[in-house]
Amino acid sequence: MLLDPAPTAPPSRPRVLSIAGTDPTGGAGIQADLKSFCAHGAYGMAVTTALVAQNTHGVRSVHVPGREFLRAQLDAVSDDVEIDAVKIGMVADEPNAHEIVSWLDDLAASRRAAGAPVPWVVLDPVMVATSGHRLLDAGAEQAVRELACRADVVTPNLPELAVLAGTERATTWDAALDQARSFVAASGTAVLLKGGHLDGPTSPDALVEPAPVPGDVPGDGGRVTLFDAERVDTPHTHGTGCSLSAALAALRPQRPGWPEAARDAKGWLTGALRAGAALRVGSGRGPVDHLHAVAPAAQARVTSPVG
């Protein structure tokens, strides 16, 4: 008979929860999050905010079960499992966003009362499409701003950063950095600024963290850590934002800080983008290959001669 490890023994893997919508083709949403968690050695869990009929060409229909069922899912997980990190993606509507805020507050209070660590929280604020199309109404956008203040890091695209900062979309890297600093100083939440939506041969990212950091001035947006990378010329970018934020959440319990987690998540995503075309999934904007670093080793074990 196998016995469970002692309750005080550390877990063999970080336990990471995705709160997001679905993608039946597997490239985005909770399906992408679970693959990203797996790729980084985490045990993945998922709570569904919306059922989305979509493929590599776009969204066809969305069904939102409602905040009561959302809360039932959230409580079912947190009542039983000690969660190390949370990744939040598509909230779908204002009631869902408020329910997630309430659950995060309750979870943090219960963990502190028990003397246990509060989970790391990464928010991918799904508010505006890359095309500029607004995905949420004004009430829902304000609720997501409240949610962003509960997160440790937000990972907006440039249109979403503009909504969070209450200004126009940045068209240059320096302007985007200024927007990120402004939001960080106002919210106390770090921003992983993504440069993939700008033109140019490189795709820089920057982690903007709030003060106090040694040597920083409180209220100035804190420390900026830059991550340089070449731009990957590929149409296979479906679910890129979901996957990066999920990787960040999975890595944070395993790294000493957000800069180290962000560096490794970005390096992994670059490889996933390069390998996406070989998947041959869909005839539109296909997904990245979440398991690009795992699959070659697995294939070698399958095809290698025995004995």
Foldseek 3Di string as FASTA:
>chain_A
DDDDPDPPDDDPAAEEEEEWADEVLQFATPSLLCLLLVLLRHHYHYQHQWYWDAFQVGTDDIGGPDLVSSLVVLCVDLVPDDHAAYEYEDQQALSSLVSVLVSLVVQCVVCVVVVHDRHAYEYAYPAADLVGHGRYDPNNLVSVLVVQLSHQEYEYAQSNLCSNLVHDGDQDPVVSVVSQLSNCLVRQHKYFYWQLSYDDQKIKIKIFGADDDVPDDHSRSHDIDIAIGTHDPALQDRHVSRSLRSQQRRCQVVDPDSVVSNNVSVVLSVQQRNCFVVVPRDDHRHHGRSNSVPVVVVVCVVPPDDD
